[in-house]
């Protein structure tokens, strides 16, 4: 019984650590995506492409919480 409780505690700690690391990885990815889109917006001279990048960045910013 004690061994099962110990194993359950290890599983809980592992799950929490994995979730924390995954949250950090997703946040980092979204930060990089925002930066990359900003760079593309600044470098693109084609109006239609620029608008697409701006739209994508707007969606990323407005829906970031749901993505995370």
PDB file of N, CA and C in Angstrom:
ATOM      1  N   UNK A   1       0.820  -1.188   0.000  1.00  0.00           N
ATOM      2  CA  UNK A   1       0.000   0.000   0.000  1.00  0.00           C
ATOM      3  C   UNK A   1       0.868   1.257   0.000  1.00  0.00           C
ATOM      4  N   UNK A   2       1.896   1.263   0.861  1.00  0.00           N
ATOM      5  CA  UNK A   2       2.784   2.418   0.950  1.00  0.00           C
ATOM      6  C   UNK A   2       3.538   2.610  -0.368  1.00  0.00           C
ATOM      7  N   UNK A   3       3.920   1.514  -1.000  1.00  0.00           N
ATOM      8  CA  UNK A   3       4.642   1.578  -2.264  1.00  0.00           C
ATOM      9  C   UNK A   3       3.750   2.171  -3.357  1.00  0.00           C
ATOM     10  N   UNK A   4       2.477   1.831  -3.361  1.00  0.00           N
ATOM     11  CA  UNK A   4       1.540   2.368  -4.345  1.00  0.00           C
ATOM     12  C   UNK A   4       1.369   3.866  -4.160  1.00  0.00           C
ATOM     13  N   UNK A   5       1.302   4.319  -2.912  1.00  0.00           N
ATOM     14  CA  UNK A   5       1.169   5.747  -2.641  1.00  0.00           C
ATOM     15  C   UNK A   5       2.420   6.487  -3.098  1.00  0.00           C
ATOM     16  N   UNK A   6       3.582   5.901  -2.865  1.00  0.00           N
ATOM     17  CA  UNK A   6       4.843   6.504  -3.295  1.00  0.00           C
ATOM     18  C   UNK A   6       4.884   6.614  -4.821  1.00  0.00           C
ATOM     19  N   UNK A   7       4.487   5.535  -5.496  1.00  0.00           N
ATOM     20  CA  UNK A   7       4.454   5.524  -6.953  1.00  0.00           C
ATOM     21  C   UNK A   7       3.475   6.578  -7.472  1.00  0.00           C
ATOM     22  N   UNK A   8       2.318   6.698  -6.833  1.00  0.00           N
ATOM     23  CA  UNK A   8       1.335   7.715  -7.222  1.00  0.00           C
ATOM     24  C   UNK A   8       1.897   9.123  -7.073  1.00  0.00           C
ATOM     25  N   UNK A   9       2.668   9.348  -6.009  1.00  0.00           N
ATOM     26  CA  UNK A   9       3.298  10.650  -5.809  1.00  0.00           C
ATOM     27  C   UNK A   9       4.305  10.961  -6.898  1.00  0.00           C
ATOM     28  N   UNK A  10       5.069   9.962  -7.302  1.00  0.00           N
ATOM     29  CA  UNK A  10       6.041  10.146  -8.387  1.00  0.00           C
ATOM     30  C   UNK A  10       5.319  10.453  -9.696  1.00  0.00           C
ATOM     31  N   UNK A  11       4.235   9.758  -9.953  1.00  0.00           N
ATOM     32  CA  UNK A  11       3.451  10.031 -11.164  1.00  0.00           C
ATOM     33  C   UNK A  11       2.903  11.454 -11.155  1.00  0.00           C
ATOM     34  N   UNK A  12       2.403  11.914 -10.028  1.00  0.00           N
ATOM     35  CA  UNK A  12       1.885  13.282  -9.925  1.00  0.00           C
ATOM     36  C   UNK A  12       2.983  14.307 -10.173  1.00  0.00           C
ATOM     37  N   UNK A  13       4.135  14.095  -9.575  1.00  0.00           N
ATOM     38  CA  UNK A  13       5.255  15.020  -9.772  1.00  0.00           C
ATOM     39  C   UNK A  13       5.706  15.025 -11.233  1.00  0.00           C
ATOM     40  N   UNK A  14       5.749  13.864 -11.831  1.00  0.00           N
ATOM     41  CA  UNK A  14       6.151  13.759 -13.241  1.00  0.00           C
ATOM     42  C   UNK A  14       5.159  14.491 -14.139  1.00  0.00           C
ATOM     43  N   UNK A  15       3.874  14.265 -13.894  1.00  0.00           N
ATOM     44  CA  UNK A  15       2.843  14.928 -14.684  1.00  0.00           C
ATOM     45  C   UNK A  15       2.956  16.438 -14.547  1.00  0.00           C
ATOM     46  N   UNK A  16       3.133  16.924 -13.333  1.00  0.00           N
ATOM     47  CA  UNK A  16       3.239  18.362 -13.099  1.00  0.00           C
ATOM     48  C   UNK A  16       4.461  18.953 -13.800  1.00  0.00           C
ATOM     49  N   UNK A  17       5.569  18.249 -13.752  1.00  0.00           N
ATOM     50  CA  UNK A  17       6.789  18.714 -14.406  1.00  0.00           C
ATOM     51  C   UNK A  17       6.617  18.752 -15.921  1.00  0.00           C
ATOM     52  N   UNK A  18       6.016  17.713 -16.464  1.00  0.00           N
ATOM     53  CA  UNK A  18       5.776  17.665 -17.916  1.00  0.00           C
ATOM     54  C   UNK A  18       4.850  18.801 -18.341  1.00  0.00           C
ATOM     55  N   UNK A  19       3.798  19.033 -17.596  1.00  0.00           N
ATOM     56  CA  UNK A  19       2.858  20.114 -17.924  1.00  0.00           C
ATOM     57  C   UNK A  19       3.543  21.478 -17.851  1.00  0.00           C
ATOM     58  N   UNK A  20       4.364  21.674 -16.852  1.00  0.00           N
ATOM     59  CA  UNK A  20       5.082  22.944 -16.699  1.00  0.00           C
ATOM     60  C   UNK A  20       6.036  23.169 -17.875  1.00  0.00           C
ATOM     61  N   UNK A  21       6.769  22.147 -18.230  1.00  0.00           N
ATOM     62  CA  UNK A  21       7.717  22.263 -19.353  1.00  0.00           C
ATOM     63  C   UNK A  21       6.977  22.462 -20.683  1.00  0.00           C
ATOM     64  N   UNK A  22       5.868  21.791 -20.849  1.00  0.00           N
ATOM     65  CA  UNK A  22       5.087  21.946 -22.064  1.00  0.00           C
ATOM     66  C   UNK A  22       4.524  23.364 -22.159  1.00  0.00           C
ATOM     67  N   UNK A  23       4.029  23.881 -21.052  1.00  0.00           N
ATOM     68  CA  UNK A  23       3.548  25.272 -21.027  1.00  0.00           C
ATOM     69  C   UNK A  23       4.650  26.228 -21.439  1.00  0.00           C
ATOM     70  N   UNK A  24       5.859  26.031 -20.910  1.00  0.00           N
ATOM     71  CA  UNK A  24       6.991  26.897 -21.249  1.00  0.00           C
ATOM     72  C   UNK A  24       7.359  26.772 -22.728  1.00  0.00           C
ATOM     73  N   UNK A  25       7.340  25.571 -23.241  1.00  0.00           N
ATOM     74  CA  UNK A  25       7.689  25.353 -24.644  1.00  0.00           C
ATOM     75  C   UNK A  25       6.677  26.007 -25.578  1.00  0.00           C
ATOM     76  N   UNK A  26       5.406  25.872 -25.269  1.00  0.00           N
ATOM     77  CA  UNK A  26       4.362  26.478 -26.104  1.00  0.00           C
ATOM     78  C   UNK A  26       4.471  28.007 -26.048  1.00  0.00           C
ATOM     79  N   UNK A  27       4.681  28.563 -24.863  1.00  0.00           N
ATOM     80  CA  UNK A  27       4.826  30.009 -24.732  1.00  0.00           C
ATOM     81  C   UNK A  27       6.028  30.507 -25.534  1.00  0.00           C
ATOM     82  N   UNK A  28       7.137  29.786 -25.473  1.00  0.00           N
ATOM     83  CA  UNK A  28       8.316  30.157 -26.247  1.00  0.00           C
ATOM     84  C   UNK A  28       8.070  30.089 -27.741  1.00  0.00           C
ATOM     85  N   UNK A  29       7.367  29.056 -28.167  1.00  0.00           N
ATOM     86  CA  UNK A  29       7.044  28.910 -29.581  1.00  0.00           C
ATOM     87  C   UNK A  29       6.161  30.062 -30.066  1.00  0.00           C
ATOM     88  N   UNK A  30       5.169  30.416 -29.266  1.00  0.00           N
ATOM     89  CA  UNK A  30       4.281  31.508 -29.655  1.00  0.00           C
ATOM     90  C   UNK A  30       5.010  32.849 -29.651  1.00  0.00           C
ATOM     91  N   UNK A  31       5.930  33.040 -28.718  1.00  0.00           N
ATOM     92  CA  UNK A  31       6.756  34.259 -28.719  1.00  0.00           C
ATOM     93  C   UNK A  31       7.564  34.351 -30.004  1.00  0.00           C
ATOM     94  N   UNK A  32       8.190  33.246 -30.377  1.00  0.00           N
ATOM     95  CA  UNK A  32       8.992  33.235 -31.599  1.00  0.00           C
ATOM     96  C   UNK A  32       8.132  33.444 -32.843  1.00  0.00           C
ATOM     97  N   UNK A  33       6.935  32.887 -32.839  1.00  0.00           N
ATOM     98  CA  UNK A  33       6.033  33.071 -33.975  1.00  0.00           C
ATOM     99  C   UNK A  33       5.637  34.531 -34.106  1.00  0.00           C
ATOM    100  N   UNK A  34       5.363  35.182 -32.985  1.00  0.00           N
ATOM    101  CA  UNK A  34       5.008  36.606 -33.010  1.00  0.00           C
ATOM    102  C   UNK A  34       6.174  37.429 -33.554  1.00  0.00           C
ATOM    103  N   UNK A  35       7.380  37.133 -33.085  1.00  0.00           N
ATOM    104  CA  UNK A  35       8.577  37.840 -33.557  1.00  0.00           C
ATOM    105  C   UNK A  35       8.796  37.601 -35.050  1.00  0.00           C
ATOM    106  N   UNK A  36       8.642  36.364 -35.485  1.00  0.00           N
ATOM    107  CA  UNK A  36       8.843  36.030 -36.895  1.00  0.00           C
ATOM    108  C   UNK A  36       7.824  36.741 -37.784  1.00  0.00           C
ATOM    109  N   UNK A  37       6.591  36.786 -37.340  1.00  0.00           N
ATOM    110  CA  UNK A  37       5.567  37.484 -38.125  1.00  0.00           C
ATOM    111  C   UNK A  37       5.845  38.985 -38.173  1.00  0.00           C
ATOM    112  N   UNK A  38       6.299  39.547 -37.075  1.00  0.00           N
ATOM    113  CA  UNK A  38       6.649  40.974 -37.055  1.00  0.00           C
ATOM    114  C   UNK A  38       7.783  41.250 -38.041  1.00  0.00           C
ATOM    115  N   UNK A  39       8.762  40.367 -38.072  1.00  0.00           N
ATOM    116  CA  UNK A  39       9.881  40.517 -39.012  1.00  0.00           C
ATOM    117  C   UNK A  39       9.381  40.441 -40.444  1.00  0.00           C
ATOM    118  N   UNK A  40       8.529  39.470 -40.725  1.00  0.00           N
ATOM    119  CA  UNK A  40       7.986  39.328 -42.077  1.00  0.00           C
ATOM    120  C   UNK A  40       7.169  40.553 -42.483  1.00  0.00           C
ATOM    121  N   UNK A  41       6.410  41.082 -41.558  1.00  0.00           N
ATOM    122  CA  UNK A  41       5.614  42.275 -41.841  1.00  0.00           C
ATOM    123  C   UNK A  41       6.535  43.430 -42.225  1.00  0.00           C
ATOM    124  N   UNK A  42       7.630  43.579 -41.478  1.00  0.00           N
ATOM    125  CA  UNK A  42       8.564  44.670 -41.750  1.00  0.00           C
ATOM    126  C   UNK A  42       9.346  44.505 -43.044  1.00  0.00           C
ATOM    127  N   UNK A  43       9.550  43.281 -43.478  1.00  0.00           N
ATOM    128  CA  UNK A  43      10.355  43.027 -44.669  1.00  0.00           C
ATOM    129  C   UNK A  43       9.551  42.873 -45.947  1.00  0.00           C
ATOM    130  N   UNK A  44       8.272  42.648 -45.821  1.00  0.00           N
ATOM    131  CA  UNK A  44       7.433  42.379 -46.991  1.00  0.00           C
ATOM    132  C   UNK A  44       6.973  43.682 -47.628  1.00  0.00           C
ATOM    133  N   UNK A  45       7.178  43.781 -48.909  1.00  0.00           N
ATOM    134  CA  UNK A  45       6.751  44.977 -49.656  1.00  0.00           C
ATOM    135  C   UNK A  45       5.431  44.749 -50.386  1.00  0.00           C
ATOM    136  N   UNK A  46       5.070  43.496 -50.561  1.00  0.00           N
ATOM    137  CA  UNK A  46       3.825  43.162 -51.235  1.00  0.00           C
ATOM    138  C   UNK A  46       2.673  43.377 -50.251  1.00  0.00           C
ATOM    139  N   UNK A  47       1.733  44.243 -50.630  1.00  0.00           N
ATOM    140  CA  UNK A  47       0.632  44.612 -49.743  1.00  0.00           C
ATOM    141  C   UNK A  47      -0.198  43.406 -49.320  1.00  0.00           C
ATOM    142  N   UNK A  48      -0.513  42.513 -50.245  1.00  0.00           N
ATOM    143  CA  UNK A  48      -1.354  41.354 -49.923  1.00  0.00           C
ATOM    144  C   UNK A  48      -0.650  40.411 -48.944  1.00  0.00           C
ATOM    145  N   UNK A  49       0.630  40.158 -49.193  1.00  0.00           N
ATOM    146  CA  UNK A  49       1.376  39.293 -48.280  1.00  0.00           C
ATOM    147  C   UNK A  49       1.482  39.935 -46.897  1.00  0.00           C
ATOM    148  N   UNK A  50       1.739  41.227 -46.891  1.00  0.00           N
ATOM    149  CA  UNK A  50       1.853  41.944 -45.617  1.00  0.00           C
ATOM    150  C   UNK A  50       0.551  41.827 -44.825  1.00  0.00           C
ATOM    151  N   UNK A  51      -0.567  41.997 -45.515  1.00  0.00           N
ATOM    152  CA  UNK A  51      -1.867  41.893 -44.858  1.00  0.00           C
ATOM    153  C   UNK A  51      -2.089  40.499 -44.284  1.00  0.00           C
ATOM    154  N   UNK A  52      -1.672  39.475 -45.008  1.00  0.00           N
ATOM    155  CA  UNK A  52      -1.805  38.100 -44.512  1.00  0.00           C
ATOM    156  C   UNK A  52      -0.981  37.898 -43.241  1.00  0.00           C
ATOM    157  N   UNK A  53       0.250  38.407 -43.236  1.00  0.00           N
ATOM    158  CA  UNK A  53       1.087  38.299 -42.042  1.00  0.00           C
ATOM    159  C   UNK A  53       0.465  39.075 -40.871  1.00  0.00           C
ATOM    160  N   UNK A  54      -0.068  40.240 -41.157  1.00  0.00           N
ATOM    161  CA  UNK A  54      -0.715  41.035 -40.104  1.00  0.00           C
ATOM    162  C   UNK A  54      -1.940  40.320 -39.557  1.00  0.00           C
ATOM    163  N   UNK A  55      -2.722  39.714 -40.447  1.00  0.00           N
ATOM    164  CA  UNK A  55      -3.899  38.950 -40.007  1.00  0.00           C
ATOM    165  C   UNK A  55      -3.485  37.760 -39.135  1.00  0.00           C
ATOM    166  N   UNK A  56      -2.450  37.055 -39.571  1.00  0.00           N
ATOM    167  CA  UNK A  56      -1.964  35.903 -38.798  1.00  0.00           C
ATOM    168  C   UNK A  56      -1.467  36.344 -37.427  1.00  0.00           C
ATOM    169  N   UNK A  57      -0.740  37.443 -37.392  1.00  0.00           N
ATOM    170  CA  UNK A  57      -0.240  37.947 -36.109  1.00  0.00           C
ATOM    171  C   UNK A  57      -1.406  38.374 -35.219  1.00  0.00           C
ATOM    172  N   UNK A  58      -2.410  39.011 -35.800  1.00  0.00           N
ATOM    173  CA  UNK A  58      -3.585  39.412 -35.028  1.00  0.00           C
ATOM    174  C   UNK A  58      -4.299  38.225 -34.413  1.00  0.00           C
ATOM    175  N   UNK A  59      -4.439  37.160 -35.179  1.00  0.00           N
ATOM    176  CA  UNK A  59      -5.072  35.938 -34.668  1.00  0.00           C
ATOM    177  C   UNK A  59      -4.222  35.342 -33.553  1.00  0.00           C
ATOM    178  N   UNK A  60      -2.916  35.305 -33.772  1.00  0.00           N
ATOM    179  CA  UNK A  60      -2.014  34.761 -32.760  1.00  0.00           C
ATOM    180  C   UNK A  60      -2.120  35.530 -31.450  1.00  0.00           C
ATOM    181  N   UNK A  61      -2.136  36.848 -31.546  1.00  0.00           N
ATOM    182  CA  UNK A  61      -2.210  37.678 -30.335  1.00  0.00           C
ATOM    183  C   UNK A  61      -3.575  37.537 -29.661  1.00  0.00           C
ATOM    184  N   UNK A  62      -4.635  37.607 -30.447  1.00  0.00           N
ATOM    185  CA  UNK A  62      -5.975  37.592 -29.857  1.00  0.00           C
ATOM    186  C   UNK A  62      -6.384  36.224 -29.301  1.00  0.00           C
ATOM    187  N   UNK A  63      -5.812  35.154 -29.855  1.00  0.00           N
ATOM    188  CA  UNK A  63      -6.213  33.810 -29.425  1.00  0.00           C
ATOM    189  C   UNK A  63      -5.098  33.063 -28.687  1.00  0.00           C
ATOM    190  N   UNK A  64      -4.085  33.807 -28.280  1.00  0.00           N
ATOM    191  CA  UNK A  64      -2.943  33.164 -27.634  1.00  0.00           C
ATOM    192  C   UNK A  64      -3.338  32.380 -26.389  1.00  0.00           C
ATOM    193  N   UNK A  65      -4.186  32.968 -25.565  1.00  0.00           N
ATOM    194  CA  UNK A  65      -4.592  32.285 -24.327  1.00  0.00           C
ATOM    195  C   UNK A  65      -5.256  30.946 -24.638  1.00  0.00           C
ATOM    196  N   UNK A  66      -6.083  30.907 -25.655  1.00  0.00           N
ATOM    197  CA  UNK A  66      -6.746  29.648 -26.026  1.00  0.00           C
ATOM    198  C   UNK A  66      -5.734  28.640 -26.569  1.00  0.00           C
ATOM    199  N   UNK A  67      -4.737  29.117 -27.289  1.00  0.00           N
ATOM    200  CA  UNK A  67      -3.714  28.221 -27.826  1.00  0.00           C
ATOM    201  C   UNK A  67      -2.854  27.641 -26.708  1.00  0.00           C
ATOM    202  N   UNK A  68      -2.562  28.483 -25.718  1.00  0.00           N
ATOM    203  CA  UNK A  68      -1.749  28.013 -24.597  1.00  0.00           C
ATOM    204  C   UNK A  68      -2.551  27.057 -23.734  1.00  0.00           C
TER     205      UNK A  68
END
